[in-house]
Amino acid sequence: MIKAVVFDFDGTILDTETVTYEAMNGIFRERGHELPMDKWAGAIGTLHGFDACAELSAFTGEEIDRAWFDARFGELYAGMVHQVPLLPGILDALEEAKRLGLAVGLATSSYRAWIEPHLDRLDLRRHFDAIHTADDVEKVKPDPALYRLAARSLGVEPGEAVAIEDSLNGLRAAKAAGLYGIAVPNAMTAGLDFSEADLVVPTLDGQKLEMLVARWNG
């Protein structure tokens, strides 16, 4: 019996991953190169999975100053991220989860300082019974620690919860923790192999959460 649903954040609730890629790729284009999408997509959902600064250094044959790189990324990202909307179907899913009496959690490999402005801007905190970030664990996804912590905080066994994820790293973390996993690929992750997922849906828009979890409710 499913008693809880745990959402990922970046790429699942907000399409910050596309904005992050575009900002990062903006730096590459300034130097006459393109950030390889395949390398970027494989690192989505974790921290330190891909060193874009080192990649640009390899492309250009010069040592790129990391402080400059980080500052330039911040400038480009800040100009894009303010108006990133909720992904289609997310608000309906959050509200339906409450109507169904499910506990609702958030488990993200991002740091709290990254997600809190978005939670406040979009008035999302009220939808979650537990919020866990990279600040709360020693290892982030694909390590299962975040999902184990979320299940404990929600007062359910892992097998009584389902995770909604857009990345392989996140899906693997959820499955390793013992949760069911629904993959909802986005533009950045649509080309990845989500065969490990219990269910794959192209979008939450128009989906009924009750129907999605019914398969695990006997």
N, C-alpha and C. Protein backbone atom coordinates (compact mmCIF):
# COMPACT_ATOMS: atom_id res chain seq x y z
N MET A 1 0.85 -1.20 0.00
CA MET A 1 0.00 0.00 0.00
C MET A 1 0.88 1.25 0.00
N ILE A 2 0.68 2.11 -0.96
CA ILE A 2 1.47 3.34 -1.03
C ILE A 2 0.90 4.37 -0.05
N LYS A 3 1.80 4.87 0.82
CA LYS A 3 1.41 5.85 1.82
C LYS A 3 2.10 7.19 1.63
N ALA A 4 3.09 7.23 0.74
CA ALA A 4 3.85 8.47 0.57
C ALA A 4 4.38 8.58 -0.85
N VAL A 5 4.57 9.81 -1.28
CA VAL A 5 5.21 10.09 -2.56
C VAL A 5 6.32 11.10 -2.30
N VAL A 6 7.48 10.85 -2.91
CA VAL A 6 8.64 11.71 -2.71
C VAL A 6 9.08 12.25 -4.07
N PHE A 7 9.12 13.56 -4.18
CA PHE A 7 9.49 14.21 -5.43
C PHE A 7 10.95 14.63 -5.42
N ASP A 8 11.59 14.47 -6.55
CA ASP A 8 12.87 15.14 -6.83
C ASP A 8 12.53 16.61 -7.09
N PHE A 9 13.56 17.45 -7.18
CA PHE A 9 13.31 18.88 -7.41
C PHE A 9 13.73 19.31 -8.81
N ASP A 10 15.05 19.45 -9.03
CA ASP A 10 15.55 19.95 -10.31
C ASP A 10 15.20 18.99 -11.44
N GLY A 11 14.46 19.49 -12.42
CA GLY A 11 14.10 18.67 -13.57
C GLY A 11 12.82 17.90 -13.39
N THR A 12 12.31 17.84 -12.16
CA THR A 12 11.06 17.15 -11.88
C THR A 12 9.97 18.14 -11.51
N ILE A 13 10.28 19.04 -10.59
CA ILE A 13 9.34 20.09 -10.19
C ILE A 13 9.55 21.35 -11.03
N LEU A 14 10.81 21.72 -11.20
CA LEU A 14 11.17 22.87 -12.05
C LEU A 14 12.17 22.42 -13.10
N ASP A 15 12.09 23.02 -14.27
CA ASP A 15 13.05 22.68 -15.33
C ASP A 15 14.31 23.52 -15.18
N THR A 16 14.90 23.50 -14.00
CA THR A 16 16.15 24.22 -13.78
C THR A 16 17.31 23.58 -14.52
N GLU A 17 17.16 22.30 -14.88
CA GLU A 17 18.27 21.62 -15.54
C GLU A 17 18.52 22.18 -16.93
N THR A 18 17.46 22.51 -17.65
CA THR A 18 17.64 23.12 -18.97
C THR A 18 18.31 24.48 -18.83
N VAL A 19 17.87 25.26 -17.85
CA VAL A 19 18.46 26.58 -17.62
C VAL A 19 19.93 26.44 -17.23
N THR A 20 20.23 25.48 -16.36
CA THR A 20 21.61 25.26 -15.94
C THR A 20 22.48 24.89 -17.14
N TYR A 21 21.97 24.00 -17.97
CA TYR A 21 22.73 23.61 -19.17
C TYR A 21 22.93 24.80 -20.10
N GLU A 22 21.89 25.57 -20.33
CA GLU A 22 22.00 26.70 -21.25
C GLU A 22 23.00 27.74 -20.73
N ALA A 23 22.99 27.97 -19.41
CA ALA A 23 23.95 28.92 -18.84
C ALA A 23 25.37 28.39 -18.97
N MET A 24 25.55 27.11 -18.68
CA MET A 24 26.87 26.51 -18.78
C MET A 24 27.34 26.50 -20.24
N ASN A 25 26.43 26.13 -21.13
CA ASN A 25 26.79 26.08 -22.54
C ASN A 25 27.08 27.48 -23.08
N GLY A 26 26.48 28.50 -22.46
CA GLY A 26 26.78 29.86 -22.87
C GLY A 26 28.25 30.19 -22.71
N ILE A 27 28.87 29.67 -21.65
CA ILE A 27 30.30 29.89 -21.44
C ILE A 27 31.10 29.16 -22.51
N PHE A 28 30.69 27.94 -22.82
CA PHE A 28 31.38 27.17 -23.86
C PHE A 28 31.30 27.90 -25.20
N ARG A 29 30.13 28.42 -25.52
CA ARG A 29 29.95 29.10 -26.80
C ARG A 29 30.78 30.38 -26.89
N GLU A 30 30.96 31.03 -25.75
CA GLU A 30 31.81 32.22 -25.74
C GLU A 30 33.24 31.88 -26.13
N ARG A 31 33.61 30.62 -25.91
CA ARG A 31 34.96 30.15 -26.27
C ARG A 31 34.95 29.33 -27.55
N GLY A 32 33.83 29.32 -28.26
CA GLY A 32 33.76 28.65 -29.56
C GLY A 32 33.53 27.16 -29.50
N HIS A 33 32.91 26.67 -28.43
CA HIS A 33 32.67 25.23 -28.28
C HIS A 33 31.24 24.98 -27.81
N GLU A 34 30.85 23.70 -27.81
CA GLU A 34 29.55 23.28 -27.31
C GLU A 34 29.76 22.31 -26.15
N LEU A 35 28.99 22.46 -25.11
CA LEU A 35 29.03 21.54 -23.98
C LEU A 35 28.36 20.24 -24.41
N PRO A 36 29.06 19.09 -24.37
CA PRO A 36 28.48 17.82 -24.84
C PRO A 36 27.25 17.42 -24.03
N MET A 37 26.12 17.30 -24.70
CA MET A 37 24.88 16.97 -24.01
C MET A 37 24.93 15.60 -23.36
N ASP A 38 25.59 14.63 -24.00
CA ASP A 38 25.60 13.28 -23.44
C ASP A 38 26.33 13.24 -22.10
N LYS A 39 27.44 13.95 -22.01
CA LYS A 39 28.17 13.98 -20.74
C LYS A 39 27.36 14.71 -19.67
N TRP A 40 26.73 15.79 -20.06
CA TRP A 40 25.95 16.57 -19.11
C TRP A 40 24.76 15.76 -18.59
N ALA A 41 24.03 15.12 -19.50
CA ALA A 41 22.82 14.38 -19.11
C ALA A 41 23.14 13.25 -18.15
N GLY A 42 24.28 12.59 -18.34
CA GLY A 42 24.64 11.47 -17.48
C GLY A 42 24.94 11.87 -16.06
N ALA A 43 25.24 13.14 -15.84
CA ALA A 43 25.59 13.62 -14.49
C ALA A 43 24.40 14.25 -13.78
N ILE A 44 23.28 14.39 -14.47
CA ILE A 44 22.11 15.03 -13.86
C ILE A 44 21.61 14.22 -12.67
N GLY A 45 21.27 14.92 -11.61
CA GLY A 45 20.71 14.27 -10.44
C GLY A 45 21.70 14.02 -9.33
N THR A 46 22.97 14.35 -9.54
CA THR A 46 23.98 14.18 -8.52
C THR A 46 24.81 15.45 -8.44
N LEU A 47 25.78 15.46 -7.53
CA LEU A 47 26.72 16.57 -7.43
C LEU A 47 28.08 16.12 -7.92
N HIS A 48 28.81 17.02 -8.52
CA HIS A 48 30.19 16.75 -8.92
C HIS A 48 30.30 15.58 -9.89
N GLY A 49 29.23 15.33 -10.66
CA GLY A 49 29.28 14.23 -11.60
C GLY A 49 29.98 14.58 -12.89
N PHE A 50 30.14 15.87 -13.16
CA PHE A 50 30.76 16.31 -14.41
C PHE A 50 31.42 17.64 -14.15
N ASP A 51 32.69 17.76 -14.52
CA ASP A 51 33.46 18.98 -14.29
C ASP A 51 33.48 19.80 -15.58
N ALA A 52 32.54 20.72 -15.71
CA ALA A 52 32.42 21.50 -16.93
C ALA A 52 33.62 22.40 -17.14
N CYS A 53 34.17 22.93 -16.07
CA CYS A 53 35.34 23.81 -16.19
C CYS A 53 36.53 23.03 -16.75
N ALA A 54 36.75 21.83 -16.24
CA ALA A 54 37.84 20.99 -16.75
C ALA A 54 37.60 20.60 -18.20
N GLU A 55 36.34 20.35 -18.54
CA GLU A 55 35.99 19.99 -19.91
C GLU A 55 36.30 21.14 -20.86
N LEU A 56 35.97 22.36 -20.45
CA LEU A 56 36.25 23.52 -21.29
C LEU A 56 37.75 23.74 -21.42
N SER A 57 38.48 23.51 -20.35
CA SER A 57 39.94 23.62 -20.40
C SER A 57 40.51 22.65 -21.41
N ALA A 58 39.97 21.42 -21.43
CA ALA A 58 40.44 20.41 -22.38
C ALA A 58 40.12 20.81 -23.81
N PHE A 59 38.95 21.40 -24.03
CA PHE A 59 38.57 21.83 -25.37
C PHE A 59 39.46 22.96 -25.88
N THR A 60 39.73 23.91 -25.02
CA THR A 60 40.46 25.11 -25.45
C THR A 60 41.97 24.95 -25.40
N GLY A 61 42.44 23.97 -24.63
CA GLY A 61 43.87 23.79 -24.47
C GLY A 61 44.51 24.80 -23.55
N GLU A 62 43.69 25.52 -22.79
CA GLU A 62 44.20 26.48 -21.83
C GLU A 62 43.55 26.24 -20.47
N GLU A 63 44.22 26.63 -19.42
CA GLU A 63 43.69 26.45 -18.08
C GLU A 63 42.65 27.54 -17.79
N ILE A 64 41.40 27.12 -17.66
CA ILE A 64 40.33 28.07 -17.38
C ILE A 64 40.27 28.32 -15.87
N ASP A 65 40.30 29.58 -15.50
CA ASP A 65 40.24 29.93 -14.08
C ASP A 65 38.88 29.53 -13.51
N ARG A 66 38.90 28.68 -12.48
CA ARG A 66 37.65 28.15 -11.95
C ARG A 66 36.80 29.23 -11.29
N ALA A 67 37.44 30.16 -10.62
CA ALA A 67 36.68 31.24 -9.98
C ALA A 67 35.96 32.08 -11.03
N TRP A 68 36.67 32.36 -12.13
CA TRP A 68 36.03 33.11 -13.22
C TRP A 68 34.88 32.30 -13.82
N PHE A 69 35.11 31.01 -14.04
CA PHE A 69 34.09 30.15 -14.63
C PHE A 69 32.83 30.14 -13.77
N ASP A 70 33.01 29.95 -12.47
CA ASP A 70 31.87 29.90 -11.56
C ASP A 70 31.11 31.23 -11.54
N ALA A 71 31.88 32.33 -11.54
CA ALA A 71 31.25 33.65 -11.52
C ALA A 71 30.47 33.91 -12.81
N ARG A 72 31.06 33.52 -13.93
CA ARG A 72 30.38 33.74 -15.21
C ARG A 72 29.12 32.89 -15.31
N PHE A 73 29.21 31.65 -14.83
CA PHE A 73 28.02 30.81 -14.81
C PHE A 73 26.93 31.46 -13.96
N GLY A 74 27.31 31.97 -12.81
CA GLY A 74 26.35 32.62 -11.93
C GLY A 74 25.65 33.79 -12.60
N GLU A 75 26.41 34.56 -13.37
CA GLU A 75 25.83 35.70 -14.07
C GLU A 75 24.80 35.25 -15.11
N LEU A 76 25.20 34.26 -15.91
CA LEU A 76 24.31 33.79 -16.96
C LEU A 76 23.07 33.11 -16.37
N TYR A 77 23.29 32.29 -15.35
CA TYR A 77 22.18 31.57 -14.73
C TYR A 77 21.18 32.53 -14.09
N ALA A 78 21.70 33.53 -13.38
CA ALA A 78 20.83 34.48 -12.69
C ALA A 78 19.92 35.21 -13.66
N GLY A 79 20.41 35.43 -14.87
CA GLY A 79 19.61 36.13 -15.86
C GLY A 79 18.52 35.27 -16.47
N MET A 80 18.57 33.96 -16.22
CA MET A 80 17.60 33.06 -16.84
C MET A 80 16.61 32.44 -15.85
N VAL A 81 17.01 32.28 -14.59
CA VAL A 81 16.30 31.37 -13.70
C VAL A 81 15.09 31.97 -13.00
N HIS A 82 15.00 33.29 -12.92
CA HIS A 82 13.94 33.90 -12.11
C HIS A 82 12.53 33.47 -12.50
N GLN A 83 12.33 33.26 -13.77
CA GLN A 83 10.97 33.02 -14.23
C GLN A 83 10.72 31.57 -14.63
N VAL A 84 11.58 30.66 -14.17
CA VAL A 84 11.36 29.25 -14.49
C VAL A 84 10.07 28.78 -13.82
N PRO A 85 9.10 28.29 -14.60
CA PRO A 85 7.81 27.89 -14.01
C PRO A 85 7.84 26.44 -13.54
N LEU A 86 6.79 26.06 -12.82
CA LEU A 86 6.61 24.66 -12.48
C LEU A 86 6.45 23.86 -13.76
N LEU A 87 6.96 22.64 -13.75
CA LEU A 87 6.75 21.77 -14.90
C LEU A 87 5.28 21.35 -14.97
N PRO A 88 4.77 21.09 -16.16
CA PRO A 88 3.35 20.76 -16.32
C PRO A 88 2.92 19.57 -15.46
N GLY A 89 1.81 19.72 -14.78
CA GLY A 89 1.24 18.63 -14.00
C GLY A 89 1.72 18.53 -12.58
N ILE A 90 2.78 19.26 -12.22
CA ILE A 90 3.35 19.14 -10.88
C ILE A 90 2.39 19.63 -9.81
N LEU A 91 1.83 20.80 -9.99
CA LEU A 91 0.94 21.34 -8.96
C LEU A 91 -0.28 20.43 -8.77
N ASP A 92 -0.82 19.92 -9.86
CA ASP A 92 -1.95 19.00 -9.75
C ASP A 92 -1.56 17.75 -8.98
N ALA A 93 -0.36 17.23 -9.25
CA ALA A 93 0.11 16.02 -8.56
C ALA A 93 0.29 16.26 -7.07
N LEU A 94 0.86 17.41 -6.72
CA LEU A 94 1.06 17.75 -5.31
C LEU A 94 -0.28 17.88 -4.59
N GLU A 95 -1.22 18.53 -5.23
CA GLU A 95 -2.53 18.73 -4.60
C GLU A 95 -3.31 17.42 -4.52
N GLU A 96 -3.18 16.58 -5.54
CA GLU A 96 -3.88 15.30 -5.52
C GLU A 96 -3.31 14.39 -4.44
N ALA A 97 -1.99 14.43 -4.25
CA ALA A 97 -1.37 13.61 -3.21
C ALA A 97 -1.98 13.92 -1.85
N LYS A 98 -2.20 15.19 -1.57
CA LYS A 98 -2.82 15.58 -0.31
C LYS A 98 -4.27 15.10 -0.23
N ARG A 99 -4.99 15.20 -1.32
CA ARG A 99 -6.39 14.75 -1.32
C ARG A 99 -6.49 13.25 -1.07
N LEU A 100 -5.46 12.52 -1.54
CA LEU A 100 -5.42 11.07 -1.35
C LEU A 100 -4.94 10.67 0.03
N GLY A 101 -4.51 11.65 0.83
CA GLY A 101 -4.02 11.35 2.16
C GLY A 101 -2.60 10.84 2.19
N LEU A 102 -1.84 11.07 1.12
CA LEU A 102 -0.45 10.62 1.07
C LEU A 102 0.46 11.64 1.75
N ALA A 103 1.48 11.13 2.42
CA ALA A 103 2.54 12.01 2.91
C ALA A 103 3.38 12.42 1.71
N VAL A 104 3.86 13.64 1.71
CA VAL A 104 4.58 14.16 0.54
C VAL A 104 5.96 14.67 0.96
N GLY A 105 6.98 14.15 0.30
CA GLY A 105 8.34 14.56 0.61
C GLY A 105 9.07 15.13 -0.60
N LEU A 106 10.16 15.81 -0.31
CA LEU A 106 11.05 16.34 -1.34
C LEU A 106 12.45 15.85 -1.02
N ALA A 107 13.11 15.24 -1.98
CA ALA A 107 14.47 14.72 -1.78
C ALA A 107 15.32 15.16 -2.96
N THR A 108 16.27 16.05 -2.71
CA THR A 108 17.06 16.62 -3.80
C THR A 108 18.55 16.62 -3.49
N SER A 109 19.34 16.38 -4.51
CA SER A 109 20.80 16.45 -4.38
C SER A 109 21.30 17.89 -4.36
N SER A 110 20.42 18.84 -4.59
CA SER A 110 20.80 20.25 -4.52
C SER A 110 20.88 20.68 -3.06
N TYR A 111 21.58 21.79 -2.83
CA TYR A 111 21.67 22.33 -1.48
C TYR A 111 20.43 23.17 -1.16
N ARG A 112 20.15 23.30 0.12
CA ARG A 112 18.98 24.03 0.58
C ARG A 112 18.97 25.48 0.06
N ALA A 113 20.15 26.09 0.04
CA ALA A 113 20.24 27.48 -0.42
C ALA A 113 19.84 27.62 -1.89
N TRP A 114 19.96 26.54 -2.64
CA TRP A 114 19.59 26.55 -4.06
C TRP A 114 18.07 26.47 -4.23
N ILE A 115 17.43 25.59 -3.45
CA ILE A 115 16.01 25.35 -3.69
C ILE A 115 15.08 26.30 -2.95
N GLU A 116 15.53 26.83 -1.81
CA GLU A 116 14.62 27.63 -0.99
C GLU A 116 14.05 28.86 -1.70
N PRO A 117 14.85 29.59 -2.47
CA PRO A 117 14.25 30.73 -3.19
C PRO A 117 13.13 30.31 -4.14
N HIS A 118 13.29 29.14 -4.76
CA HIS A 118 12.24 28.65 -5.66
C HIS A 118 11.01 28.21 -4.87
N LEU A 119 11.22 27.53 -3.75
CA LEU A 119 10.09 27.10 -2.92
C LEU A 119 9.28 28.30 -2.46
N ASP A 120 9.98 29.37 -2.08
CA ASP A 120 9.29 30.58 -1.61
C ASP A 120 8.62 31.32 -2.77
N ARG A 121 9.33 31.43 -3.88
CA ARG A 121 8.80 32.16 -5.04
C ARG A 121 7.50 31.54 -5.54
N LEU A 122 7.42 30.22 -5.49
CA LEU A 122 6.27 29.51 -6.03
C LEU A 122 5.32 28.99 -4.95
N ASP A 123 5.58 29.38 -3.69
CA ASP A 123 4.72 28.99 -2.57
C ASP A 123 4.54 27.47 -2.52
N LEU A 124 5.66 26.75 -2.52
CA LEU A 124 5.60 25.29 -2.57
C LEU A 124 5.80 24.61 -1.22
N ARG A 125 6.35 25.30 -0.24
CA ARG A 125 6.67 24.64 1.03
C ARG A 125 5.45 23.95 1.64
N ARG A 126 4.29 24.57 1.51
CA ARG A 126 3.09 24.06 2.16
C ARG A 126 2.67 22.69 1.64
N HIS A 127 3.21 22.29 0.50
CA HIS A 127 2.84 21.01 -0.08
C HIS A 127 3.63 19.84 0.50
N PHE A 128 4.72 20.12 1.21
CA PHE A 128 5.63 19.06 1.64
C PHE A 128 5.61 18.84 3.15
N ASP A 129 5.57 17.57 3.52
CA ASP A 129 5.66 17.18 4.93
C ASP A 129 7.11 17.02 5.37
N ALA A 130 8.01 16.82 4.43
CA ALA A 130 9.44 16.69 4.74
C ALA A 130 10.23 17.15 3.52
N ILE A 131 11.29 17.91 3.77
CA ILE A 131 12.17 18.39 2.71
C ILE A 131 13.60 18.04 3.09
N HIS A 132 14.27 17.28 2.23
CA HIS A 132 15.66 16.90 2.49
C HIS A 132 16.54 17.25 1.29
N THR A 133 17.71 17.80 1.60
CA THR A 133 18.64 18.29 0.58
C THR A 133 20.03 17.70 0.81
N ALA A 134 20.96 18.13 -0.02
CA ALA A 134 22.35 17.68 0.11
C ALA A 134 22.94 18.05 1.46
N ASP A 135 22.38 19.06 2.11
CA ASP A 135 22.88 19.47 3.43
C ASP A 135 22.63 18.41 4.50
N ASP A 136 21.71 17.48 4.23
CA ASP A 136 21.26 16.54 5.25
C ASP A 136 21.96 15.19 5.22
N VAL A 137 22.77 14.93 4.20
CA VAL A 137 23.39 13.61 4.04
C VAL A 137 24.86 13.75 3.67
N GLU A 138 25.61 12.68 3.89
CA GLU A 138 27.02 12.68 3.50
C GLU A 138 27.18 12.44 2.01
N LYS A 139 26.31 11.62 1.44
CA LYS A 139 26.37 11.31 0.02
C LYS A 139 25.01 11.55 -0.61
N VAL A 140 25.02 12.18 -1.79
CA VAL A 140 23.78 12.44 -2.50
C VAL A 140 23.52 11.35 -3.53
N LYS A 141 22.45 11.48 -4.26
CA LYS A 141 22.11 10.52 -5.31
C LYS A 141 23.29 10.34 -6.28
N PRO A 142 23.55 9.13 -6.70
CA PRO A 142 22.73 7.91 -6.65
C PRO A 142 22.79 7.13 -5.34
N ASP A 143 23.48 7.63 -4.33
CA ASP A 143 23.43 6.99 -3.02
C ASP A 143 21.99 7.05 -2.49
N PRO A 144 21.52 6.02 -1.82
CA PRO A 144 20.12 6.00 -1.37
C PRO A 144 19.82 6.80 -0.11
N ALA A 145 20.83 7.45 0.48
CA ALA A 145 20.66 8.10 1.78
C ALA A 145 19.51 9.10 1.81
N LEU A 146 19.38 9.92 0.78
CA LEU A 146 18.32 10.94 0.77
C LEU A 146 16.93 10.31 0.81
N TYR A 147 16.75 9.23 0.06
CA TYR A 147 15.43 8.60 0.04
C TYR A 147 15.16 7.82 1.31
N ARG A 148 16.16 7.22 1.88
CA ARG A 148 15.96 6.55 3.17
C ARG A 148 15.56 7.56 4.24
N LEU A 149 16.24 8.70 4.22
CA LEU A 149 15.93 9.75 5.19
C LEU A 149 14.52 10.29 4.98
N ALA A 150 14.13 10.48 3.73
CA ALA A 150 12.79 10.98 3.43
C ALA A 150 11.72 10.02 3.93
N ALA A 151 11.92 8.73 3.70
CA ALA A 151 10.94 7.74 4.16
C ALA A 151 10.80 7.77 5.68
N ARG A 152 11.95 7.84 6.38
CA ARG A 152 11.91 7.90 7.84
C ARG A 152 11.16 9.15 8.31
N SER A 153 11.46 10.27 7.69
CA SER A 153 10.82 11.52 8.09
C SER A 153 9.31 11.50 7.86
N LEU A 154 8.90 10.78 6.84
CA LEU A 154 7.47 10.70 6.52
C LEU A 154 6.77 9.60 7.31
N GLY A 155 7.54 8.82 8.06
CA GLY A 155 6.96 7.78 8.90
C GLY A 155 6.45 6.57 8.14
N VAL A 156 7.10 6.26 7.00
CA VAL A 156 6.69 5.10 6.20
C VAL A 156 7.89 4.21 5.93
N GLU A 157 7.61 2.95 5.60
CA GLU A 157 8.65 2.06 5.12
C GLU A 157 8.96 2.43 3.67
N PRO A 158 10.21 2.20 3.22
CA PRO A 158 10.54 2.54 1.83
C PRO A 158 9.60 1.90 0.82
N GLY A 159 9.18 0.66 1.08
CA GLY A 159 8.29 -0.03 0.16
C GLY A 159 6.87 0.50 0.16
N GLU A 160 6.59 1.47 1.03
CA GLU A 160 5.28 2.12 1.06
C GLU A 160 5.32 3.49 0.39
N ALA A 161 6.42 3.77 -0.30
CA ALA A 161 6.59 5.09 -0.92
C ALA A 161 7.00 4.95 -2.38
N VAL A 162 6.66 5.95 -3.15
CA VAL A 162 7.06 6.00 -4.55
C VAL A 162 7.79 7.31 -4.80
N ALA A 163 8.88 7.23 -5.56
CA ALA A 163 9.66 8.41 -5.92
C ALA A 163 9.32 8.83 -7.33
N ILE A 164 9.29 10.13 -7.55
CA ILE A 164 9.09 10.68 -8.89
C ILE A 164 10.36 11.41 -9.28
N GLU A 165 11.00 10.91 -10.33
CA GLU A 165 12.35 11.35 -10.71
C GLU A 165 12.45 11.61 -12.21
N ASP A 166 13.41 12.47 -12.56
CA ASP A 166 13.67 12.72 -13.98
C ASP A 166 15.03 12.21 -14.43
N SER A 167 15.87 11.75 -13.47
CA SER A 167 17.24 11.37 -13.81
C SER A 167 17.54 9.94 -13.42
N LEU A 168 18.54 9.35 -14.07
CA LEU A 168 18.97 8.00 -13.71
C LEU A 168 19.57 7.97 -12.32
N ASN A 169 20.37 8.97 -11.98
CA ASN A 169 20.98 9.00 -10.65
C ASN A 169 19.91 9.02 -9.57
N GLY A 170 18.88 9.81 -9.78
CA GLY A 170 17.80 9.88 -8.81
C GLY A 170 17.00 8.59 -8.74
N LEU A 171 16.70 8.03 -9.90
CA LEU A 171 15.95 6.78 -9.95
C LEU A 171 16.71 5.66 -9.24
N ARG A 172 18.00 5.58 -9.49
CA ARG A 172 18.80 4.54 -8.86
C ARG A 172 18.87 4.72 -7.35
N ALA A 173 18.91 5.97 -6.91
CA ALA A 173 18.91 6.24 -5.47
C ALA A 173 17.61 5.75 -4.83
N ALA A 174 16.50 6.05 -5.48
CA ALA A 174 15.20 5.65 -4.94
C ALA A 174 15.06 4.13 -4.90
N LYS A 175 15.44 3.47 -5.97
CA LYS A 175 15.33 2.02 -6.03
C LYS A 175 16.24 1.35 -5.02
N ALA A 176 17.45 1.89 -4.86
CA ALA A 176 18.39 1.32 -3.89
C ALA A 176 17.88 1.48 -2.46
N ALA A 177 17.09 2.53 -2.24
CA ALA A 177 16.52 2.76 -0.91
C ALA A 177 15.30 1.89 -0.65
N GLY A 178 14.77 1.27 -1.70
CA GLY A 178 13.62 0.40 -1.54
C GLY A 178 12.30 1.01 -1.95
N LEU A 179 12.33 2.21 -2.54
CA LEU A 179 11.10 2.85 -3.01
C LEU A 179 10.76 2.37 -4.41
N TYR A 180 9.51 2.50 -4.79
CA TYR A 180 9.14 2.34 -6.19
C TYR A 180 9.57 3.61 -6.92
N GLY A 181 9.83 3.48 -8.21
CA GLY A 181 10.33 4.63 -8.95
C GLY A 181 9.55 4.92 -10.22
N ILE A 182 9.01 6.13 -10.30
CA ILE A 182 8.37 6.60 -11.53
C ILE A 182 9.31 7.59 -12.19
N ALA A 183 9.68 7.32 -13.42
CA ALA A 183 10.55 8.22 -14.18
C ALA A 183 9.70 9.13 -15.06
N VAL A 184 10.00 10.43 -14.97
CA VAL A 184 9.33 11.42 -15.83
C VAL A 184 10.44 12.19 -16.53
N PRO A 185 10.97 11.65 -17.63
CA PRO A 185 12.10 12.31 -18.31
C PRO A 185 11.72 13.70 -18.80
N ASN A 186 12.74 14.58 -18.83
CA ASN A 186 12.53 15.92 -19.38
C ASN A 186 13.39 16.09 -20.62
N ALA A 187 13.49 17.29 -21.13
CA ALA A 187 14.24 17.53 -22.36
C ALA A 187 15.70 17.14 -22.23
N MET A 188 16.26 17.24 -21.02
CA MET A 188 17.66 16.93 -20.81
C MET A 188 17.90 15.43 -20.66
N THR A 189 16.90 14.69 -20.18
CA THR A 189 17.12 13.28 -19.85
C THR A 189 16.31 12.31 -20.70
N ALA A 190 15.57 12.82 -21.66
CA ALA A 190 14.68 11.97 -22.45
C ALA A 190 15.42 10.88 -23.21
N GLY A 191 16.69 11.08 -23.50
CA GLY A 191 17.44 10.09 -24.26
C GLY A 191 18.08 9.01 -23.42
N LEU A 192 17.90 9.05 -22.11
CA LEU A 192 18.51 8.06 -21.22
C LEU A 192 17.65 6.81 -21.12
N ASP A 193 18.29 5.71 -20.72
CA ASP A 193 17.61 4.42 -20.59
C ASP A 193 17.01 4.30 -19.19
N PHE A 194 15.69 4.39 -19.10
CA PHE A 194 15.02 4.32 -17.81
C PHE A 194 14.38 2.94 -17.58
N SER A 195 14.99 1.91 -18.13
CA SER A 195 14.42 0.56 -17.97
C SER A 195 14.40 0.09 -16.53
N GLU A 196 15.19 0.73 -15.67
CA GLU A 196 15.20 0.37 -14.25
C GLU A 196 13.96 0.89 -13.52
N ALA A 197 13.24 1.80 -14.13
CA ALA A 197 12.07 2.39 -13.48
C ALA A 197 10.92 1.39 -13.41
N ASP A 198 10.09 1.53 -12.39
CA ASP A 198 8.88 0.71 -12.30
C ASP A 198 7.82 1.21 -13.27
N LEU A 199 7.90 2.48 -13.59
CA LEU A 199 6.96 3.09 -14.52
C LEU A 199 7.62 4.31 -15.14
N VAL A 200 7.40 4.51 -16.44
CA VAL A 200 7.91 5.70 -17.13
C VAL A 200 6.72 6.41 -17.77
N VAL A 201 6.59 7.70 -17.48
CA VAL A 201 5.55 8.51 -18.13
C VAL A 201 6.22 9.73 -18.74
N PRO A 202 5.77 10.17 -19.90
CA PRO A 202 6.44 11.28 -20.58
C PRO A 202 6.25 12.63 -19.89
N THR A 203 5.18 12.76 -19.12
CA THR A 203 4.89 14.00 -18.41
C THR A 203 3.87 13.70 -17.32
N LEU A 204 3.82 14.54 -16.30
CA LEU A 204 2.77 14.41 -15.30
C LEU A 204 1.51 15.17 -15.71
N ASP A 205 1.61 15.95 -16.74
CA ASP A 205 0.48 16.74 -17.20
C ASP A 205 -0.64 15.81 -17.67
N GLY A 206 -1.81 15.96 -17.08
CA GLY A 206 -2.94 15.12 -17.46
C GLY A 206 -2.97 13.76 -16.79
N GLN A 207 -1.97 13.45 -15.98
CA GLN A 207 -1.91 12.17 -15.29
C GLN A 207 -2.66 12.26 -13.96
N LYS A 208 -3.25 11.16 -13.55
CA LYS A 208 -3.87 11.06 -12.23
C LYS A 208 -2.93 10.26 -11.34
N LEU A 209 -2.46 10.90 -10.27
CA LEU A 209 -1.54 10.23 -9.36
C LEU A 209 -2.15 8.95 -8.81
N GLU A 210 -3.45 9.00 -8.53
CA GLU A 210 -4.13 7.82 -8.00
C GLU A 210 -3.99 6.63 -8.94
N MET A 211 -4.08 6.88 -10.23
CA MET A 211 -3.95 5.81 -11.22
C MET A 211 -2.51 5.34 -11.33
N LEU A 212 -1.57 6.26 -11.20
CA LEU A 212 -0.16 5.90 -11.32
C LEU A 212 0.27 4.96 -10.20
N VAL A 213 -0.22 5.19 -8.98
CA VAL A 213 0.21 4.37 -7.85
C VAL A 213 -0.70 3.18 -7.60
N ALA A 214 -1.81 3.08 -8.34
CA ALA A 214 -2.79 2.01 -8.10
C ALA A 214 -2.17 0.63 -8.27
N ARG A 215 -1.19 0.50 -9.16
CA ARG A 215 -0.56 -0.80 -9.42
C ARG A 215 0.11 -1.37 -8.18
N TRP A 216 0.46 -0.51 -7.22
CA TRP A 216 1.13 -0.99 -6.00
C TRP A 216 0.19 -1.04 -4.81
N ASN A 217 -1.08 -0.82 -5.06
CA ASN A 217 -2.06 -0.84 -3.97
C ASN A 217 -2.92 -2.09 -3.98
N GLY A 218 -2.43 -3.10 -4.70
CA GLY A 218 -3.11 -4.40 -4.68
C GLY A 218 -4.44 -4.39 -5.39
